Amino acid sequence: HDQIGNRGTVTEAANFNPDADAQNLREAMKGAGTNEATIIDILACRTNAQRQRIKVAYKQTVGKDLADDLSSELSGNFRSVVLGLLMPAPVYDAYELRTAMKGAGTEEACLIDILASRSNGEINTINEVYKKGNRVTIISIHLVSMFAGRDESDKVDEAQAVKDAKEIYEAGEARWGTDEVKFLTVLCVRNEKHLLRVFEEYQKISGRDIEESIKREMSGCLEDVFLAIVKCVRSKPMFFAERLYKSMKGLGTTDSVLIRIMVARAEIDMLDIKAQFQKMYGKSLYSFIKGDTSGDYRKILLMLCGGE
C-alpha cells in the first residue's frame, strides 16, 4: 500500500512528451542565467516515472546527463530538491541514507524516516542500491535487515499479540537494559495490524500508552527509533506531518528533513499529510512552507505541496 498511491499532490502529466520536456529544460539552461521557472514547471509537475523518461530523452537529444547539467547550473536547497526529484525513489532513499551516515554524528532522523516508513520490498531495493554504492556500516545493515524481514500480511495472531505485549512490558520493566532487542524484534518483524493489537494489549497490561512508556524508559537514538516505528504503524501521514512541523517551527529550518519528506511523499500521500498537518496544527502546510522558505526553493516546495 505504499507504492505510488493515489493520495499524492503530484500526478501524471497529461499529453506527456519527454522529448519536448528535455528540449525545454535544455533551453532553460542555455546561455546566461537559468530559467528556474521552466525547471520548476516541468520537474515538479511530472511523476517520478515521467522524470525518468525525460532523463533518457535528454541523454538522447542533448547527449549529456540531465542531473549533471542541472547540478552545475543550480545551487543550495533548490538544487537539492531538483536532484532529489530526478532520482528513482529507492535511489533517493539510498542516497539520503548514505549522506546521513557520512556525517560525523549520523543523522538518525534520516535513517528513522526512511526505515520506519517504507515497506519490505522498498527496503530490500534500497539495500541493493545502497550496497552497490559504498561501504556499509554495521548498524545500518542490522537495522535494514531487521526491517526487511517484516511480515506484510494482515493476519493478527491473538495469542501472539498478548505474548508480545507481555514480553515488551517485562522488557520495559526490566529497565531496557538488555532487552531492547526483544522490543526491536517485535516492532520490526510483526505486521502493522498485529502491532496495533499488541499496542492495545500493552495498554491493558501496563495501564499506559506504549509511546508514554518508551518516553519514560528510554532515551537518545533508540527512543527516537521506537517512537517513530510506533507512530508510523499508527499513521504514516500523522508521522510525516509531525516531522514537517518540527522541521519548520522555532528558529531555523531543518532543510534536509523538509526536502526529504516533500520529495519522497509528493506522489504517495501528500494529500493525507496536508490534511493531518491542518488538523494537528490548525495551519496549512502550505502556509508553513511559505513562511519558512524563500526564492525558487520556496516555489518548488509549494508546487510539491500542491496549493493551500
Protein backbone atom coordinates (compact mmCIF):
# COMPACT_ATOMS: atom_id res chain seq x y z
CA HIS A 1 0.00 0.00 0.00
CA ASP A 2 3.00 2.22 -0.21
CA GLN A 3 3.80 2.15 -3.87
CA ILE A 4 2.81 5.24 -5.75
CA GLY A 5 -0.55 5.85 -4.16
CA ASN A 6 -3.37 7.98 -5.47
CA ARG A 7 -3.05 10.31 -2.50
CA GLY A 8 -0.28 12.41 -3.94
CA THR A 9 -0.24 16.06 -4.95
CA VAL A 10 1.98 15.18 -7.91
CA THR A 11 0.15 13.16 -10.54
CA GLU A 12 0.89 12.13 -14.12
CA ALA A 13 1.05 14.99 -16.59
CA ALA A 14 -1.43 14.52 -19.43
CA ASN A 15 -0.15 14.60 -23.04
CA PHE A 16 3.30 13.91 -21.68
CA ASN A 17 6.10 14.47 -24.18
CA PRO A 18 9.54 13.63 -22.77
CA ASP A 19 11.37 14.97 -25.83
CA ALA A 20 9.67 18.35 -25.60
CA ASP A 21 10.37 18.47 -21.86
CA ALA A 22 14.03 17.61 -22.44
CA GLN A 23 14.30 20.33 -25.09
CA ASN A 24 12.66 22.92 -22.82
CA LEU A 25 14.99 22.02 -19.96
CA ARG A 26 17.94 22.42 -22.31
CA GLU A 27 16.67 25.86 -23.38
CA ALA A 28 16.19 26.82 -19.73
CA MET A 29 19.87 26.19 -19.09
CA LYS A 30 21.39 27.62 -22.28
CA GLY A 31 23.08 30.97 -22.36
CA ALA A 32 23.42 33.40 -19.49
CA GLY A 33 21.28 32.77 -16.45
CA THR A 34 18.95 29.88 -15.87
CA ASN A 35 15.22 29.91 -16.32
CA GLU A 36 14.25 28.36 -12.98
CA ALA A 37 10.53 28.77 -13.61
CA THR A 38 10.68 26.31 -16.52
CA ILE A 39 12.61 23.81 -14.44
CA ILE A 40 10.01 24.03 -11.67
CA ASP A 41 7.06 23.80 -14.07
CA ILE A 42 8.42 20.67 -15.67
CA LEU A 43 10.00 18.70 -12.85
CA ALA A 44 7.52 19.42 -10.06
CA CYS A 45 4.57 18.57 -12.31
CA ARG A 46 5.67 15.16 -13.57
CA THR A 47 5.67 11.84 -11.73
CA ASN A 48 8.92 10.13 -10.91
CA ALA A 49 8.34 7.64 -13.74
CA GLN A 50 7.87 10.53 -16.18
CA ARG A 51 11.03 12.26 -14.93
CA GLN A 52 12.99 9.07 -15.62
CA ARG A 53 11.78 9.20 -19.22
CA ILE A 54 12.77 12.87 -19.50
CA LYS A 55 16.29 11.91 -18.35
CA VAL A 56 16.51 9.30 -21.11
CA ALA A 57 15.21 11.74 -23.73
CA TYR A 58 17.67 14.39 -22.56
CA LYS A 59 20.57 11.97 -22.86
CA GLN A 60 19.46 11.02 -26.38
CA THR A 61 18.80 14.52 -27.68
CA VAL A 62 21.38 16.60 -25.83
CA GLY A 63 23.95 13.85 -25.32
CA LYS A 64 24.53 14.81 -21.70
CA ASP A 65 23.29 13.79 -18.29
CA LEU A 66 20.35 15.92 -17.14
CA ALA A 67 21.24 15.64 -13.45
CA ASP A 68 24.83 16.72 -14.16
CA ASP A 69 23.71 19.72 -16.18
CA LEU A 70 21.20 20.84 -13.56
CA SER A 71 23.70 20.21 -10.81
CA SER A 72 26.19 22.61 -12.36
CA GLU A 73 23.55 25.29 -13.07
CA LEU A 74 21.77 25.32 -9.70
CA SER A 75 22.79 25.68 -6.09
CA GLY A 76 21.64 25.37 -2.49
CA ASN A 77 18.38 23.87 -1.32
CA PHE A 78 16.69 24.41 -4.68
CA ARG A 79 19.32 22.23 -6.28
CA SER A 80 18.84 19.53 -3.62
CA VAL A 81 15.11 19.37 -4.34
CA VAL A 82 15.62 19.19 -8.11
CA LEU A 83 18.26 16.47 -7.89
CA GLY A 84 16.09 14.53 -5.44
CA LEU A 85 13.17 14.66 -7.86
CA LEU A 86 15.32 13.19 -10.62
CA MET A 87 16.26 10.05 -8.67
CA PRO A 88 14.11 6.91 -8.69
CA ALA A 89 12.63 6.52 -5.17
CA PRO A 90 14.90 3.73 -3.87
CA VAL A 91 17.96 5.51 -5.24
CA TYR A 92 16.92 8.71 -3.47
CA ASP A 93 16.37 6.82 -0.20
CA ALA A 94 19.77 5.11 -0.51
CA TYR A 95 21.42 8.42 -1.36
CA GLU A 96 19.86 10.06 1.69
CA LEU A 97 20.93 7.17 3.93
CA ARG A 98 24.46 7.37 2.61
CA THR A 99 24.61 11.13 3.15
CA ALA A 100 23.23 10.68 6.66
CA MET A 101 25.87 8.13 7.55
CA LYS A 102 28.76 10.08 6.08
CA GLY A 103 28.18 12.84 8.62
CA ALA A 104 30.12 12.77 11.89
CA GLY A 105 27.01 12.36 14.00
CA THR A 106 24.83 10.08 11.94
CA GLU A 107 21.68 11.97 11.11
CA GLU A 108 19.48 9.40 12.81
CA ALA A 109 16.37 11.28 11.83
CA CYS A 110 17.01 10.31 8.25
CA LEU A 111 17.54 6.62 8.97
CA ILE A 112 14.40 6.63 11.04
CA ASP A 113 12.23 8.46 8.48
CA ILE A 114 13.18 6.00 5.82
CA LEU A 115 13.38 2.72 7.68
CA ALA A 116 10.27 3.18 9.78
CA SER A 117 8.03 4.15 6.89
CA ARG A 118 8.96 2.03 3.88
CA SER A 119 7.67 -1.44 3.06
CA ASN A 120 9.92 -4.56 2.93
CA GLY A 121 10.13 -4.55 -0.82
CA GLU A 122 11.19 -0.91 -0.75
CA ILE A 123 13.77 -1.55 1.95
CA ASN A 124 15.24 -4.50 0.06
CA THR A 125 15.57 -2.39 -3.09
CA ILE A 126 17.16 0.46 -1.13
CA ASN A 127 19.53 -2.07 0.39
CA GLU A 128 20.62 -3.34 -3.05
CA VAL A 129 21.23 0.18 -4.34
CA TYR A 130 22.99 1.07 -1.13
CA LYS A 131 25.37 -1.86 -1.14
CA LYS A 132 26.41 -1.04 -4.69
CA GLY A 133 27.17 2.48 -3.63
CA ASN A 134 29.52 2.23 -0.67
CA ARG A 135 30.90 0.52 2.38
CA VAL A 136 28.03 -0.22 4.65
CA THR A 137 28.05 0.50 8.34
CA ILE A 138 27.08 -2.31 10.69
CA ILE A 139 24.26 -0.51 12.48
CA SER A 140 22.51 0.36 9.25
CA ILE A 141 22.73 -3.16 7.89
CA HIS A 142 21.48 -4.56 11.17
CA LEU A 143 18.52 -2.19 11.11
CA VAL A 144 17.87 -2.66 7.42
CA SER A 145 17.93 -6.43 7.64
CA MET A 146 15.55 -6.40 10.59
CA PHE A 147 13.11 -4.11 8.85
CA ALA A 148 13.33 -6.04 5.63
CA GLY A 149 12.03 -9.11 7.46
CA ARG A 150 8.70 -7.53 8.33
CA ASP A 151 5.66 -9.73 7.94
CA GLU A 152 3.42 -7.91 5.46
CA SER A 153 0.24 -9.93 5.78
CA ASP A 154 -2.64 -8.51 7.75
CA LYS A 155 -3.15 -11.53 9.96
CA VAL A 156 -3.40 -10.93 13.68
CA ASP A 157 -2.41 -13.81 15.93
CA GLU A 158 -4.34 -13.07 19.14
CA ALA A 159 -2.29 -15.31 21.43
CA GLN A 160 0.95 -13.99 19.95
CA ALA A 161 -0.22 -10.39 20.37
CA VAL A 162 -0.83 -10.97 24.07
CA LYS A 163 2.54 -12.70 24.41
CA ASP A 164 4.31 -9.88 22.52
CA ALA A 165 2.71 -7.25 24.74
CA LYS A 166 3.73 -9.13 27.89
CA GLU A 167 7.29 -9.51 26.66
CA ILE A 168 7.58 -5.85 25.77
CA TYR A 169 6.13 -4.92 29.14
CA GLU A 170 8.54 -7.18 31.01
CA ALA A 171 11.47 -5.97 28.94
CA GLY A 172 10.49 -2.42 29.84
CA GLU A 173 10.02 -3.16 33.49
CA ALA A 174 13.43 -4.79 33.49
CA ARG A 175 14.65 -1.32 32.67
CA TRP A 176 15.56 -1.58 28.99
CA GLY A 177 18.99 -2.88 29.78
CA THR A 178 19.35 -5.98 27.74
CA ASP A 179 16.00 -6.26 26.16
CA GLU A 180 15.86 -3.55 23.55
CA VAL A 181 16.48 -6.29 21.04
CA LYS A 182 13.30 -8.09 22.07
CA PHE A 183 11.43 -4.87 21.58
CA LEU A 184 13.07 -4.10 18.26
CA THR A 185 12.32 -7.58 17.02
CA VAL A 186 8.62 -7.27 17.76
CA LEU A 187 8.43 -3.79 16.25
CA CYS A 188 10.39 -4.62 13.14
CA VAL A 189 9.11 -8.07 12.34
CA ARG A 190 5.38 -8.10 13.10
CA ASN A 191 2.88 -6.72 10.61
CA GLU A 192 1.13 -3.43 11.23
CA LYS A 193 -2.32 -4.80 12.05
CA HIS A 194 -0.79 -7.21 14.55
CA LEU A 195 1.23 -4.40 16.14
CA LEU A 196 -1.86 -2.26 16.66
CA ARG A 197 -3.32 -5.20 18.56
CA VAL A 198 -0.08 -5.53 20.59
CA PHE A 199 -0.30 -1.83 21.49
CA GLU A 200 -3.88 -2.32 22.74
CA GLU A 201 -2.81 -5.28 24.87
CA TYR A 202 0.16 -3.32 26.18
CA GLN A 203 -2.18 -0.57 27.30
CA LYS A 204 -4.29 -3.14 29.18
CA ILE A 205 -1.34 -4.75 30.93
CA SER A 206 0.61 -1.64 31.81
CA GLY A 207 -2.15 0.90 32.18
CA ARG A 208 -0.35 3.28 29.90
CA ASP A 209 0.16 4.08 26.29
CA ILE A 210 3.16 2.45 24.63
CA GLU A 211 4.50 5.82 23.45
CA GLU A 212 4.41 7.08 27.02
CA SER A 213 6.36 4.04 28.23
CA ILE A 214 9.00 4.46 25.56
CA LYS A 215 9.48 8.10 26.55
CA ARG A 216 9.73 7.21 30.25
CA GLU A 217 12.08 4.29 29.90
CA MET A 218 14.36 5.17 27.02
CA SER A 219 16.47 7.96 25.68
CA GLY A 220 18.50 9.06 22.71
CA CYS A 221 18.50 7.47 19.32
CA LEU A 222 16.79 4.28 20.42
CA GLU A 223 13.88 6.21 21.86
CA ASP A 224 13.57 8.08 18.55
CA VAL A 225 13.64 4.87 16.53
CA PHE A 226 11.00 3.14 18.64
CA LEU A 227 8.70 6.16 18.75
CA ALA A 228 8.98 6.59 15.00
CA ILE A 229 8.08 2.97 14.35
CA VAL A 230 5.10 3.13 16.68
CA LYS A 231 3.90 6.37 15.06
CA CYS A 232 4.33 5.00 11.53
CA VAL A 233 2.34 1.91 12.45
CA ARG A 234 -0.46 4.10 13.78
CA SER A 235 -0.44 6.59 10.90
CA LYS A 236 2.26 7.49 8.39
CA PRO A 237 0.65 10.79 7.34
CA MET A 238 0.49 11.82 11.01
CA PHE A 239 4.14 10.84 11.49
CA PHE A 240 5.26 12.88 8.48
CA ALA A 241 3.06 15.87 9.40
CA GLU A 242 4.74 15.99 12.79
CA ARG A 243 8.22 15.65 11.26
CA LEU A 244 7.47 18.52 8.86
CA TYR A 245 6.11 20.70 11.64
CA LYS A 246 9.17 20.12 13.81
CA SER A 247 11.49 20.81 10.86
CA MET A 248 9.99 24.29 10.49
CA LYS A 249 8.81 25.54 13.85
CA GLY A 250 11.11 27.61 16.03
CA LEU A 251 14.41 29.03 14.90
CA GLY A 252 15.84 27.91 11.62
CA THR A 253 14.57 25.20 9.33
CA THR A 254 15.93 21.68 9.13
CA ASP A 255 16.01 21.76 5.35
CA SER A 256 17.28 18.20 4.96
CA VAL A 257 14.13 16.85 6.65
CA LEU A 258 11.79 19.23 4.84
CA ILE A 259 13.28 18.40 1.43
CA ARG A 260 13.37 14.66 2.03
CA ILE A 261 9.72 14.40 3.02
CA MET A 262 8.41 16.74 0.32
CA VAL A 263 10.33 14.91 -2.40
CA ALA A 264 9.69 11.37 -1.16
CA ARG A 265 5.98 11.69 -0.32
CA ALA A 266 4.77 14.04 -3.08
CA GLU A 267 3.16 11.32 -5.15
CA ILE A 268 2.34 8.88 -2.35
CA ASP A 269 0.37 10.53 0.46
CA MET A 270 1.00 14.27 0.45
CA LEU A 271 -2.76 14.95 0.43
CA ASP A 272 -3.15 12.97 3.65
CA ILE A 273 -0.08 14.58 5.20
CA LYS A 274 -1.52 18.03 4.44
CA ALA A 275 -4.89 17.13 5.95
CA GLN A 276 -3.21 15.79 9.09
CA PHE A 277 -0.99 18.87 9.34
CA GLN A 278 -4.00 21.17 9.21
CA LYS A 279 -5.84 19.07 11.79
CA MET A 280 -2.91 18.85 14.21
CA TYR A 281 -1.60 22.40 13.99
CA GLY A 282 -4.55 24.48 12.83
CA LYS A 283 -2.48 25.93 9.97
CA SER A 284 -1.86 24.69 6.46
CA LEU A 285 1.40 23.02 5.49
CA TYR A 286 1.43 25.42 2.54
CA SER A 287 1.44 28.50 4.80
CA PHE A 288 4.19 26.97 6.94
CA ILE A 289 6.46 26.29 3.97
CA LYS A 290 5.70 29.71 2.53
CA GLY A 291 6.67 31.43 5.77
CA ASP A 292 9.83 29.41 6.25
CA THR A 293 11.47 29.36 2.84
CA SER A 294 12.21 31.75 0.00
CA GLY A 295 13.07 32.06 -3.69
CA ASP A 296 12.95 29.17 -6.12
CA TYR A 297 13.34 26.73 -3.22
CA ARG A 298 10.03 28.01 -1.85
CA LYS A 299 8.38 27.88 -5.28
CA ILE A 300 9.27 24.28 -5.98
CA LEU A 301 8.27 23.10 -2.48
CA LEU A 302 4.93 24.87 -2.79
CA MET A 303 4.36 23.12 -6.13
CA LEU A 304 5.06 19.77 -4.49
CA CYS A 305 2.76 20.75 -1.63
CA GLY A 306 0.03 21.33 -4.19
CA GLY A 307 -1.64 24.56 -3.14
CA GLU A 308 -3.32 25.62 0.09
